[in-house]
Every structure is written in structure tokens, then in C-alpha cells.
Amino acid sequence: MAPRERLKTLDEFSLADLEAVRLLLRGDSVIDWHRLNFKDDAEIRDFLVAQEFRPEENADRARMNAIKAEAISYLRRHFEYPIPKPVEQASVEELFWLATGRGHRQTCACTILKCTHIIHHLDGRELLFMLPMSDQEIFHLVEEKVYRVIGSMLAEGFPITEFVGGRKNKDSLYTKLLSKRESVSAQIFDKLRFRIVARERDDIFPIVQFLQKKLFPFNYVIPSQSINSIFQFKRYCQTHDHLKGYLADMQAGADEDYTPSDNVFSADNYRVIHFVVDMPVRLPRKLLERAPSSAWSLGPVVFVICEFQVIDRETEAANEQGEASHAKYKDRQKKAVIRRLQLGMREMKTPTFSKREEPAPAGRPSGPPSVRPPAPSVRPPPPGRKRPR
């Protein structure tokens, strides 16, 4: 029998866990990292599995080696990059170990792995465009994956009081695009969106860490699309002796800043953790067989953009009050849209409520509740709540 899944406590976090959560909160790019901090073979394997690789299968091992070889070839073609033989001949798992060390081999391993990240991503994107599949079919695969993982979290009694998933409807898409200066549909990241309400604030880091292990790897968090208006990271870590010990080793820093939003319709006091991921999804064989033969070398993984929001129960309740409420948000957005339609963008004004220097977070997804914890204390949302922002 497989061991039961459980959340890590904050006292069980590794440096790698904390850095991955920090990257998500700040919306950084893994390309700017200069080392990895995996502590054992199990963490490396979990990371590969999160990429939707199955290292024990011959086809996947060949695919991993092909990506590594292409990364090395690219570095040599364009930069004449010197790569020592032991690094070139290392397995993918050995590259991860080298990337945790020191010296020239460590730098080489990190450089190669950054390129493999890009190559895997581009190939998955190309495969998605080559498949004769509708958005609805692709979205269904993503939802199956998300509901399977979060459903298991709920079944195991994880500290989640509410989970909502949904797709943005057409009217919401129209309103969102009309309210944005950059009215391009490709810039809509929340066609698929999922919202998790944690029991307590201290449950958020462990829940995010679990999602990064089981649902999406930290390297596919989309840079510059995160909002964190809940945690002042350094100050929060300093309140936990175990996390405090990692601060000096954080390669991306440990500042006090929130990660701001540019959403002019959100109120000052709205608080949320919001991030966008390009989620890897492994295609069933029957779907791959529908692809043209030219796509077979791209592997079985595609990437689909979706939005996540994580919040604690107390903050959730506070967000429903006054200017932070969803009804107030939608009212401001709709007024701006009708002004723009009638008068043009130059006549659009910012909302009338004041803006402080603290970041104003983005809004929340909606949709019918897809999975909810069975606890009777969980209240259903009132009608009209949790519409998309």
C-alpha cells in the first residue's frame, strides 16, 4: 500500500522548497537562478515527475536525453561553450546533482538545465499547436489533472476549506478585454482558473509546496504574473526559526516587498496570493496518435496556461467587506468599460477609492464548485460570489 500523502510542516521545509515558494510569490524566472538545492534523489525524481516525465520508461528516458543533447548542441553552436566530458556524459539526474555543487562543473550543469527547461517548454507548445484538438478538449485534460490532485488533498484531510475551479465565460472575457489597454486575447491568462482557501495563513506555504511537487513544477510559473499581498516574505520567515535559518542562503533574496498588481479596479485592502502557471499535461496515447508524424519527436507533454489563487479563510472573509468585495470590483470595472466604449480610453479614469502604496491584488476566479471538502463546517458561497476578475 502506498504511503498516505501529507503536507510538509514549515519545520520540514528544505531550502529548495522555500526558494520554489519564493519564486512563485514574486513571479521570478528560474533562468535567473545560479544553483539548485535538491537534497536527495527523491526530490530530483519528484521534480522530473512534476515535469510529466516517467524516468523509468525507455521512451521518456530517450526523450530526456534528446533534450539534454539539444541543449548542449545549442550552447556549442552559438557560444562555443566549453563543457567538460563528465558533465556532457552525465545523466539528467546527475546534472541536477552537479547543479547543487560548486565550481565550473556546477555552472555548466546549471547552464545546460536552463536550456533544457526552454527546449522542453517550446517543444510542448509546438506539439499543442500541431494537435487537432479544441481548447475545450485541452481544458478538460487540465481539469482532470487538477481535480485528481486537489481531490486527493481533500480526501486526506488537508487544511483546505474551499476549492473552486472554472472556465471564464465569454461575457467575462469580453469585459476583461474591454477594460484592458492591451486588448489582445492572448493576454488573458485565466481562461482556466482555480481557487483554494486554506484553513490558516500558516497553511499557505505547505499547500503551495505540495502543489509544486504534485501539480506544476516551480520552473513553469510564468514570470511577472504573480501577486502576493499577504506575505512580507523576510518578516514572515523570521517568525519561524527553521525558515529563518535559510534566509542567508536564498539566491533570489529575501526582501520585505509584496508583489504588486497593476489591476486598477482592485481595492487597497484586497489580499490574495495569485499566480499563473504553464502547466505540463501528459497526453494520452490515443490523442497523440491523432497528431501528424512530424510531431512524434516532440514527446507526449503539452503546456496549458491557467491561473491559481490561494488565500486563507480569515483573509477571505475580510475580502468580502466594503470596497474589496467582488460586487464593488465588478461595478468599477463595468463603469470603466462603458465609459471606454462611449468616450475612448483617454476618458477612462481610475476608480474613485484611494490607492495606497501597498499593491492592489487582482481578483478571483469563479465557476461552480467542482470539489469541496466534506466537512460540514464549510459554507457554500452565496449567489453571485466569486465571479472572475
Protein backbone atom coordinates (compact mmCIF):
# COMPACT_ATOMS: atom_id res chain seq x y z
CA MET A 1 0.00 0.00 0.00
CA ALA A 2 1.33 3.41 -0.95
CA PRO A 3 2.06 5.75 1.97
CA ARG A 4 -0.55 8.41 2.65
CA GLU A 5 0.21 11.83 1.25
CA ARG A 6 0.65 14.66 3.71
CA LEU A 7 1.73 18.27 3.76
CA LYS A 8 5.20 19.18 4.89
CA THR A 9 5.25 21.28 8.02
CA LEU A 10 7.21 24.53 7.88
CA ASP A 11 9.82 22.83 10.09
CA GLU A 12 10.28 20.17 7.38
CA PHE A 13 10.84 22.64 4.53
CA SER A 14 14.14 22.37 2.69
CA LEU A 15 15.96 25.32 1.16
CA ALA A 16 14.75 24.08 -2.25
CA ASP A 17 11.14 24.16 -1.01
CA LEU A 18 11.43 27.70 0.33
CA GLU A 19 13.13 29.02 -2.81
CA ALA A 20 10.45 27.47 -5.02
CA VAL A 21 7.67 29.10 -2.97
CA ARG A 22 9.54 32.42 -3.07
CA LEU A 23 9.85 32.25 -6.87
CA LEU A 24 6.09 31.73 -7.12
CA LEU A 25 5.24 34.58 -4.74
CA ARG A 26 7.45 37.04 -6.57
CA GLY A 27 6.90 35.85 -10.13
CA ASP A 28 10.60 35.39 -10.83
CA SER A 29 12.22 33.35 -13.62
CA VAL A 30 14.26 30.24 -12.91
CA ILE A 31 16.61 31.36 -15.70
CA ASP A 32 17.99 33.95 -13.28
CA TRP A 33 18.93 31.35 -10.66
CA HIS A 34 22.54 30.29 -10.36
CA ARG A 35 22.20 26.99 -8.48
CA LEU A 36 19.79 24.29 -7.39
CA ASN A 37 19.40 23.00 -3.86
CA PHE A 38 17.94 19.50 -4.12
CA LYS A 39 18.97 17.45 -1.11
CA ASP A 40 18.38 13.86 -2.27
CA ASP A 41 17.44 11.60 -5.18
CA ALA A 42 13.77 11.60 -4.16
CA GLU A 43 13.49 15.39 -4.57
CA ILE A 44 15.10 15.19 -8.02
CA ARG A 45 12.76 12.41 -9.11
CA ASP A 46 9.72 14.32 -7.81
CA PHE A 47 10.82 17.31 -9.86
CA LEU A 48 11.14 15.23 -13.04
CA VAL A 49 7.75 13.62 -12.44
CA ALA A 50 6.23 17.09 -11.97
CA GLN A 51 7.51 17.86 -15.48
CA GLU A 52 5.39 14.85 -16.60
CA PHE A 53 8.42 12.65 -17.26
CA ARG A 54 8.47 8.97 -16.31
CA PRO A 55 12.21 8.33 -15.86
CA GLU A 56 11.76 4.55 -15.60
CA GLU A 57 10.22 4.29 -19.09
CA ASN A 58 12.61 3.89 -22.02
CA ALA A 59 10.77 6.33 -24.29
CA ASP A 60 10.84 9.05 -21.64
CA ARG A 61 14.50 8.40 -20.84
CA ALA A 62 15.31 8.77 -24.54
CA ARG A 63 13.28 11.99 -24.67
CA MET A 64 15.12 13.43 -21.65
CA ASN A 65 18.48 12.56 -23.21
CA ALA A 66 17.45 14.12 -26.52
CA ILE A 67 16.52 17.39 -24.81
CA LYS A 68 19.84 17.40 -22.94
CA ALA A 69 21.78 16.74 -26.16
CA GLU A 70 19.97 19.57 -27.94
CA ALA A 71 20.77 21.94 -25.07
CA ILE A 72 24.48 21.08 -25.26
CA SER A 73 24.46 21.40 -29.04
CA TYR A 74 22.82 24.83 -28.83
CA LEU A 75 25.41 26.09 -26.34
CA ARG A 76 28.24 24.91 -28.57
CA ARG A 77 26.70 26.17 -31.82
CA HIS A 78 26.11 29.71 -30.66
CA PHE A 79 28.56 30.31 -27.81
CA GLU A 80 31.33 27.71 -28.25
CA TYR A 81 30.55 26.92 -24.64
CA PRO A 82 33.17 24.66 -23.03
CA ILE A 83 31.51 21.65 -21.42
CA PRO A 84 33.69 19.09 -19.61
CA LYS A 85 33.22 15.47 -20.69
CA PRO A 86 31.94 14.32 -17.26
CA VAL A 87 29.19 16.95 -17.48
CA GLU A 88 28.32 16.10 -21.08
CA GLN A 89 28.10 12.39 -20.24
CA ALA A 90 26.12 12.85 -17.04
CA SER A 91 22.55 11.63 -16.84
CA VAL A 92 19.83 14.21 -16.32
CA GLU A 93 19.61 13.27 -12.64
CA GLU A 94 23.40 13.66 -12.32
CA LEU A 95 23.14 17.12 -13.88
CA PHE A 96 20.78 18.12 -11.08
CA TRP A 97 23.30 16.89 -8.52
CA LEU A 98 26.12 18.78 -10.24
CA ALA A 99 23.94 21.90 -10.23
CA THR A 100 23.87 21.78 -6.41
CA GLY A 101 27.66 21.83 -6.11
CA ARG A 102 30.35 24.42 -6.72
CA GLY A 103 32.82 25.38 -9.43
CA HIS A 104 32.88 25.23 -13.22
CA ARG A 105 31.00 21.92 -13.48
CA GLN A 106 28.19 23.32 -11.36
CA THR A 107 27.94 26.39 -13.60
CA CYS A 108 27.91 24.20 -16.71
CA ALA A 109 25.22 21.93 -15.29
CA CYS A 110 23.00 24.90 -14.40
CA THR A 111 23.50 26.41 -17.85
CA ILE A 112 22.54 23.16 -19.59
CA LEU A 113 19.48 22.67 -17.36
CA LYS A 114 18.23 26.19 -18.08
CA CYS A 115 18.38 25.41 -21.79
CA THR A 116 16.60 22.07 -21.31
CA HIS A 117 13.83 23.96 -19.50
CA ILE A 118 13.31 26.21 -22.53
CA ILE A 119 13.57 23.38 -25.08
CA HIS A 120 11.06 21.18 -23.24
CA HIS A 121 8.68 24.12 -22.96
CA LEU A 122 8.95 25.15 -26.63
CA ASP A 123 8.53 21.58 -27.86
CA GLY A 124 5.43 21.16 -25.70
CA ARG A 125 4.00 24.40 -27.04
CA GLU A 126 4.68 23.33 -30.62
CA LEU A 127 3.03 19.98 -30.01
CA LEU A 128 -0.07 21.71 -28.67
CA PHE A 129 -0.41 23.78 -31.84
CA MET A 130 0.01 20.70 -34.04
CA LEU A 131 -2.72 18.67 -32.35
CA PRO A 132 -6.19 18.59 -33.93
CA MET A 133 -7.81 19.40 -30.57
CA SER A 134 -10.13 22.15 -29.39
CA ASP A 135 -9.50 24.33 -26.37
CA GLN A 136 -12.34 22.53 -24.62
CA GLU A 137 -10.62 19.15 -25.02
CA ILE A 138 -7.34 20.55 -23.71
CA PHE A 139 -9.06 22.30 -20.80
CA HIS A 140 -10.74 19.04 -19.87
CA LEU A 141 -7.34 17.34 -19.55
CA VAL A 142 -6.09 20.12 -17.28
CA GLU A 143 -9.19 19.97 -15.11
CA GLU A 144 -8.87 16.20 -14.77
CA LYS A 145 -5.30 16.62 -13.53
CA VAL A 146 -6.11 19.45 -11.11
CA TYR A 147 -9.20 17.76 -9.68
CA ARG A 148 -7.32 14.49 -9.22
CA VAL A 149 -4.54 16.16 -7.19
CA ILE A 150 -6.67 18.55 -5.15
CA GLY A 151 -9.37 15.92 -4.70
CA SER A 152 -6.75 13.66 -3.10
CA MET A 153 -5.67 16.54 -0.85
CA LEU A 154 -9.25 16.96 0.34
CA ALA A 155 -9.68 13.21 0.82
CA GLU A 156 -6.59 13.15 3.03
CA GLY A 157 -7.95 15.94 5.20
CA PHE A 158 -5.55 18.67 4.12
CA PRO A 159 -6.32 22.11 5.63
CA ILE A 160 -8.43 23.35 2.71
CA THR A 161 -11.86 24.77 3.49
CA GLU A 162 -12.91 25.50 -0.08
CA PHE A 163 -11.82 24.71 -3.62
CA VAL A 164 -13.42 26.23 -6.72
CA GLY A 165 -12.49 25.67 -10.34
CA GLY A 166 -13.97 27.03 -13.53
CA ARG A 167 -13.56 28.42 -17.01
CA LYS A 168 -14.02 32.08 -17.78
CA ASN A 169 -17.26 32.60 -19.70
CA LYS A 170 -17.42 34.69 -22.86
CA ASP A 171 -19.10 37.69 -21.27
CA SER A 172 -16.35 37.85 -18.65
CA LEU A 173 -13.73 37.65 -21.41
CA TYR A 174 -15.42 40.48 -23.31
CA THR A 175 -15.50 42.68 -20.21
CA LYS A 176 -11.91 41.91 -19.25
CA LEU A 177 -10.55 42.70 -22.70
CA LEU A 178 -12.58 45.88 -22.98
CA SER A 179 -11.23 47.05 -19.62
CA LYS A 180 -7.58 46.47 -20.57
CA ARG A 181 -5.46 48.86 -22.57
CA GLU A 182 -3.87 45.88 -24.30
CA SER A 183 -6.96 44.30 -25.81
CA VAL A 184 -5.37 41.08 -27.03
CA SER A 185 -6.99 37.77 -26.20
CA ALA A 186 -3.59 36.07 -25.92
CA GLN A 187 -3.01 38.12 -22.77
CA ILE A 188 -5.90 36.51 -20.92
CA PHE A 189 -4.28 34.06 -18.51
CA ASP A 190 -7.33 32.99 -16.53
CA LYS A 191 -9.47 31.17 -19.08
CA LEU A 192 -8.85 28.28 -16.69
CA ARG A 193 -8.63 29.27 -13.02
CA PHE A 194 -8.60 27.53 -9.68
CA ARG A 195 -9.04 28.95 -6.20
CA ILE A 196 -8.02 27.36 -2.89
CA VAL A 197 -8.99 28.66 0.54
CA ALA A 198 -6.65 27.40 3.26
CA ARG A 199 -7.72 26.99 6.86
CA GLU A 200 -4.98 29.20 8.32
CA ARG A 201 -2.37 31.60 6.97
CA ASP A 202 0.43 29.23 8.02
CA ASP A 203 -1.10 26.53 5.79
CA ILE A 204 -0.44 28.50 2.59
CA PHE A 205 3.29 27.75 2.20
CA PRO A 206 2.81 23.97 2.74
CA ILE A 207 -0.14 23.87 0.31
CA VAL A 208 1.83 25.74 -2.37
CA GLN A 209 4.84 23.45 -1.84
CA PHE A 210 2.63 20.38 -2.30
CA LEU A 211 1.10 21.80 -5.47
CA GLN A 212 4.58 22.44 -6.88
CA LYS A 213 5.51 18.85 -6.18
CA LYS A 214 2.35 17.18 -7.48
CA LEU A 215 0.69 19.53 -9.96
CA PHE A 216 3.07 22.02 -11.57
CA PRO A 217 6.86 22.41 -11.19
CA PHE A 218 8.10 25.75 -9.92
CA ASN A 219 10.04 26.45 -13.13
CA TYR A 220 6.81 26.86 -15.11
CA VAL A 221 5.40 29.68 -13.01
CA ILE A 222 5.02 32.49 -15.56
CA PRO A 223 7.34 35.39 -14.65
CA SER A 224 5.87 38.79 -13.80
CA GLN A 225 2.34 37.41 -13.41
CA SER A 226 2.34 36.77 -9.66
CA ILE A 227 0.64 38.83 -6.98
CA ASN A 228 1.48 38.46 -3.29
CA SER A 229 -0.28 40.89 -1.00
CA ILE A 230 -0.37 38.58 2.04
CA PHE A 231 3.25 37.78 2.97
CA GLN A 232 6.13 40.08 3.70
CA PHE A 233 8.48 37.22 2.98
CA LYS A 234 11.52 38.01 5.11
CA ARG A 235 9.49 39.09 8.12
CA TYR A 236 7.31 36.00 7.88
CA CYS A 237 10.30 33.65 7.69
CA GLN A 238 11.91 35.36 10.67
CA THR A 239 8.96 34.31 12.82
CA HIS A 240 9.82 30.64 12.17
CA ASP A 241 13.21 29.51 13.48
CA HIS A 242 13.58 26.81 10.83
CA LEU A 243 12.79 29.07 7.87
CA LYS A 244 14.87 31.89 9.36
CA GLY A 245 17.96 29.70 9.06
CA TYR A 246 17.62 29.63 5.27
CA LEU A 247 17.38 33.38 4.68
CA ALA A 248 21.12 33.94 4.29
CA ASP A 249 21.26 31.27 1.55
CA MET A 250 18.34 32.49 -0.55
CA GLN A 251 19.81 33.07 -4.02
CA ALA A 252 16.90 35.29 -5.09
CA GLY A 253 16.99 37.37 -1.94
CA ALA A 254 14.54 37.63 0.93
CA ASP A 255 13.09 41.13 0.86
CA GLU A 256 10.03 42.55 2.57
CA ASP A 257 8.22 43.68 -0.55
CA TYR A 258 4.82 42.50 -1.63
CA THR A 259 4.43 41.59 -5.30
CA PRO A 260 2.10 44.31 -6.63
CA SER A 261 -0.79 44.20 -9.07
CA ASP A 262 -1.49 46.64 -11.88
CA ASN A 263 -5.23 45.96 -11.70
CA VAL A 264 -6.69 49.45 -11.23
CA PHE A 265 -10.09 48.07 -10.28
CA SER A 266 -8.96 46.21 -7.14
CA ALA A 267 -9.31 47.84 -3.75
CA ASP A 268 -6.36 48.68 -1.48
CA ASN A 269 -7.35 46.18 1.17
CA TYR A 270 -7.91 43.17 -1.10
CA ARG A 271 -5.36 40.46 -0.23
CA VAL A 272 -4.50 37.32 -2.20
CA ILE A 273 -1.77 35.02 -3.50
CA HIS A 274 -2.25 34.90 -7.27
CA PHE A 275 0.00 33.24 -9.84
CA VAL A 276 -0.11 31.87 -13.37
CA VAL A 277 1.47 28.61 -14.47
CA ASP A 278 2.05 26.96 -17.81
CA MET A 279 1.02 23.55 -16.58
CA PRO A 280 2.59 20.45 -18.15
CA VAL A 281 -0.05 17.93 -19.18
CA ARG A 282 0.79 14.47 -20.44
CA LEU A 283 -1.36 13.44 -23.38
CA PRO A 284 -2.97 10.01 -23.54
CA ARG A 285 -1.60 7.83 -26.30
CA LYS A 286 -4.91 7.85 -28.20
CA LEU A 287 -4.65 11.65 -28.52
CA LEU A 288 -1.00 11.55 -29.60
CA GLU A 289 -1.97 9.18 -32.39
CA ARG A 290 -4.10 11.98 -33.87
CA ALA A 291 -1.02 14.20 -34.25
CA PRO A 292 0.91 14.33 -37.54
CA SER A 293 4.03 12.19 -37.74
CA SER A 294 6.20 15.32 -37.59
CA ALA A 295 5.03 15.82 -34.00
CA TRP A 296 6.15 12.43 -32.70
CA SER A 297 9.66 13.65 -31.88
CA LEU A 298 8.28 16.34 -29.55
CA GLY A 299 7.33 13.97 -26.77
CA PRO A 300 3.95 13.47 -25.05
CA VAL A 301 3.74 16.70 -22.99
CA VAL A 302 1.91 19.95 -23.76
CA PHE A 303 1.64 23.13 -21.70
CA VAL A 304 -1.59 24.92 -20.83
CA ILE A 305 -1.80 28.30 -19.09
CA CYS A 306 -4.01 28.51 -16.03
CA GLU A 307 -4.39 30.76 -13.00
CA PHE A 308 -4.29 29.82 -9.33
CA GLN A 309 -5.25 31.81 -6.29
CA VAL A 310 -4.55 30.74 -2.72
CA ILE A 311 -5.86 32.54 0.34
CA ASP A 312 -6.57 31.78 3.99
CA ARG A 313 -10.05 31.69 5.48
CA GLU A 314 -9.67 34.83 7.62
CA THR A 315 -8.36 36.93 4.73
CA GLU A 316 -11.13 35.56 2.53
CA ALA A 317 -13.73 36.86 4.97
CA ALA A 318 -12.05 40.29 5.14
CA ASN A 319 -12.01 40.49 1.34
CA GLU A 320 -15.80 40.33 1.25
CA GLN A 321 -16.16 43.62 3.12
CA GLY A 322 -16.54 47.13 1.68
CA GLU A 323 -14.52 48.21 -1.35
CA ALA A 324 -12.70 44.86 -1.52
CA SER A 325 -15.90 42.95 -2.22
CA HIS A 326 -16.40 41.35 -5.58
CA ALA A 327 -19.59 43.30 -6.27
CA LYS A 328 -17.75 46.61 -5.82
CA TYR A 329 -14.91 45.37 -8.04
CA LYS A 330 -17.27 44.42 -10.88
CA ASP A 331 -19.14 47.71 -10.57
CA ARG A 332 -15.90 49.70 -11.02
CA GLN A 333 -14.85 47.54 -13.96
CA LYS A 334 -18.20 47.79 -15.77
CA LYS A 335 -18.36 51.58 -15.35
CA ALA A 336 -14.87 51.88 -16.85
CA VAL A 337 -15.82 49.64 -19.78
CA ILE A 338 -18.93 51.59 -20.72
CA ARG A 339 -17.01 54.87 -20.45
CA ARG A 340 -14.35 53.48 -22.76
CA LEU A 341 -16.90 52.24 -25.29
CA GLN A 342 -18.62 55.62 -25.38
CA LEU A 343 -15.71 58.01 -24.93
CA GLY A 344 -12.47 56.15 -25.60
CA MET A 345 -9.55 55.22 -23.41
CA ARG A 346 -8.36 58.77 -22.85
CA GLU A 347 -11.55 59.50 -20.92
CA MET A 348 -11.14 56.48 -18.63
CA LYS A 349 -10.44 57.41 -15.03
CA THR A 350 -9.04 55.37 -12.23
CA PRO A 351 -11.52 54.22 -9.59
CA THR A 352 -12.65 56.79 -7.06
CA PHE A 353 -11.37 54.97 -3.99
CA SER A 354 -7.90 55.95 -2.82
CA LYS A 355 -4.80 53.95 -3.66
CA ARG A 356 -2.07 53.38 -1.11
CA GLU A 357 1.49 52.40 -1.91
CA GLU A 358 0.71 48.82 -0.97
CA PRO A 359 -0.08 46.71 -4.01
CA ALA A 360 -3.65 46.15 -5.02
CA PRO A 361 -4.14 42.45 -5.82
CA ALA A 362 -6.06 41.02 -8.71
CA GLY A 363 -9.42 39.42 -8.49
CA ARG A 364 -10.67 35.93 -8.11
CA PRO A 365 -11.93 33.16 -10.30
CA SER A 366 -15.40 31.84 -10.38
CA GLY A 367 -17.29 28.86 -11.54
CA PRO A 368 -19.36 26.14 -9.97
CA PRO A 369 -17.66 24.36 -7.07
CA SER A 370 -16.02 21.31 -8.54
CA VAL A 371 -14.57 19.72 -5.44
CA ARG A 372 -15.36 20.69 -1.87
CA PRO A 373 -14.16 19.23 1.41
CA PRO A 374 -16.76 17.08 3.10
CA ALA A 375 -16.55 18.88 6.44
CA PRO A 376 -19.97 20.22 7.42
CA SER A 377 -18.41 23.48 8.64
CA VAL A 378 -17.65 24.54 5.08
CA ARG A 379 -20.23 27.04 3.95
CA PRO A 380 -21.41 27.25 0.34
CA PRO A 381 -20.72 30.60 -1.36
CA PRO A 382 -23.68 32.96 -1.59
CA PRO A 383 -25.15 33.53 -5.07
CA GLY A 384 -23.13 35.76 -7.32
CA ARG A 385 -19.90 35.40 -5.38
CA LYS A 386 -16.52 34.57 -6.83
CA ARG A 387 -17.13 35.79 -10.32
CA PRO A 388 -13.94 36.31 -12.33
CA ARG A 389 -11.95 39.50 -12.15
